[in-house]
Protein backbone atom coordinates (compact mmCIF):
# COMPACT_ATOMS: atom_id res chain seq x y z
CA MET A 1 26.75 17.68 13.59
CA PRO A 2 24.35 17.94 10.61
CA LYS A 3 20.73 18.84 11.27
CA ASN A 4 18.14 16.12 10.65
CA HIS A 5 15.71 16.60 7.80
CA THR A 6 11.96 16.22 8.36
CA SER A 7 9.75 14.99 5.54
CA THR A 8 5.97 15.04 5.51
CA ILE A 9 3.55 12.74 3.72
CA THR A 10 -0.10 13.78 3.75
CA LEU A 11 -3.30 11.97 2.88
CA GLN A 12 -6.54 13.80 2.19
CA VAL A 13 -9.81 11.88 2.21
CA GLU A 14 -13.09 13.34 0.94
CA LEU A 15 -16.09 11.43 2.29
CA ASP A 16 -19.71 11.30 1.18
CA GLU A 17 -22.64 11.72 3.57
CA ASN A 18 -22.25 8.08 4.67
CA ARG A 19 -18.52 8.58 5.35
CA VAL A 20 -17.52 6.47 2.33
CA PRO A 21 -14.42 7.76 0.53
CA GLU A 22 -15.20 9.60 -2.70
CA LYS A 23 -11.77 11.13 -3.34
CA LEU A 24 -8.29 10.32 -2.09
CA ASN A 25 -5.30 12.59 -2.60
CA TRP A 26 -1.76 12.35 -1.32
CA SER A 27 1.34 14.48 -1.21
CA ALA A 28 5.00 13.69 -0.58
CA GLU A 29 6.84 16.81 -1.62
CA ASP A 30 10.31 15.28 -1.10
CA GLY A 31 9.27 12.69 -3.68
CA GLY A 32 7.86 15.28 -6.06
CA VAL A 33 4.24 14.32 -5.40
CA LYS A 34 1.79 17.14 -4.71
CA ASN A 35 -1.93 16.55 -4.24
CA GLU A 36 -2.10 13.53 -6.55
CA ALA A 37 -5.36 11.63 -6.87
CA SER A 38 -5.56 7.94 -6.01
CA LYS A 39 -8.34 5.37 -5.93
CA ALA A 40 -6.91 3.31 -3.04
CA ILE A 41 -4.49 3.60 -0.13
CA PHE A 42 -3.16 0.88 2.16
CA LEU A 43 -1.11 2.23 5.06
CA SER A 44 0.46 0.10 7.77
CA VAL A 45 2.15 1.48 10.86
CA TRP A 46 4.01 -0.63 13.42
CA ASP A 47 3.05 0.09 17.04
CA HIS A 48 6.19 -1.13 18.82
CA LYS A 49 4.63 -0.74 22.27
CA ALA A 50 1.58 -2.90 21.55
CA GLN A 51 3.57 -5.09 19.13
CA GLU A 52 0.87 -4.85 16.46
CA THR A 53 0.18 -3.34 13.07
CA LEU A 54 -2.19 -0.41 12.79
CA LYS A 55 -3.79 -0.14 9.37
CA ILE A 56 -5.71 2.27 7.24
CA ASP A 57 -7.24 0.64 4.16
CA LEU A 58 -9.25 3.04 2.02
CA TRP A 59 -10.61 2.94 -1.49
CA THR A 60 -13.05 5.13 -3.32
CA LYS A 61 -16.49 3.83 -4.15
CA ASP A 62 -15.68 4.12 -7.86
CA MET A 63 -12.52 1.96 -7.64
CA PRO A 64 -13.00 -0.74 -10.30
CA VAL A 65 -12.78 -4.32 -9.01
CA ASP A 66 -10.29 -5.31 -11.73
CA GLN A 67 -7.95 -2.50 -10.61
CA MET A 68 -8.40 -3.50 -6.95
CA LYS A 69 -7.24 -7.03 -7.84
CA VAL A 70 -4.10 -5.62 -9.48
CA PHE A 71 -3.54 -3.27 -6.52
CA PHE A 72 -3.71 -6.18 -4.06
CA HIS A 73 -1.35 -8.25 -6.21
CA GLN A 74 1.20 -5.47 -6.60
CA THR A 75 1.01 -4.78 -2.85
CA LEU A 76 1.77 -8.43 -2.10
CA VAL A 77 4.67 -8.43 -4.58
CA GLY A 78 6.04 -5.28 -2.91
CA MET A 79 5.74 -6.90 0.51
CA SER A 80 7.75 -9.90 -0.69
CA GLU A 81 10.47 -7.56 -1.97
CA THR A 82 10.47 -5.68 1.35
CA LEU A 83 10.72 -8.99 3.20
CA GLY A 84 13.82 -9.80 1.18
CA ARG A 85 15.48 -6.46 1.96
CA ALA A 86 14.52 -6.50 5.65
CA MET A 87 15.33 -10.08 6.58
CA GLU A 88 17.38 -11.56 3.76
CA ASP A 89 15.41 -14.81 4.16
CA GLU A 90 15.53 -16.14 0.60
CA LYS A 91 13.38 -19.18 1.40
CA MET A 92 10.50 -17.00 2.66
CA VAL A 93 10.90 -14.53 -0.21
CA LEU A 94 10.54 -17.39 -2.69
CA ALA A 95 7.50 -18.69 -0.79
CA MET A 96 5.91 -15.22 -0.91
CA LYS A 97 6.65 -14.91 -4.63
CA ASP A 98 5.07 -18.33 -5.20
CA PHE A 99 2.00 -17.12 -3.32
CA CYS A 100 1.93 -13.94 -5.43
CA ASP A 101 1.97 -16.08 -8.59
CA TYR A 102 -0.82 -18.24 -7.16
CA PHE A 103 -2.82 -15.13 -6.22
CA ALA A 104 -2.41 -13.69 -9.73
CA GLU A 105 -3.52 -16.96 -11.27
CA LYS A 106 -6.61 -17.27 -9.05
CA MET A 107 -7.54 -13.62 -9.66
CA GLU A 108 -7.04 -14.25 -13.37
CA LEU A 109 -4.42 -11.52 -13.65
CA LYS A 110 -2.02 -13.55 -15.74
CA LYS A 111 -2.56 -13.24 -19.47
């Protein structure tokens, strides 16, 4: 029987004196990422016992608002794609994509 492989993803958060993130770095060596800087991180973890999502939403104080809008939009688009792969519910995927288009329009992301 083959041995299981363990992969580690790490997040490093540097805080200022008020505990506001100044720097965010992440590593995922199996993915070729080592100590890369980021301006924002959204992490969701499913707690199957409590049947709820645990979240860590962090962004640095110098994250530009226009980039945060794009980050939110791309996160929503990614969630709609994940929904499609996980549940194969085409009707809900299309509804999510419609919402993503609406979100982009309201945030003035569409050129």
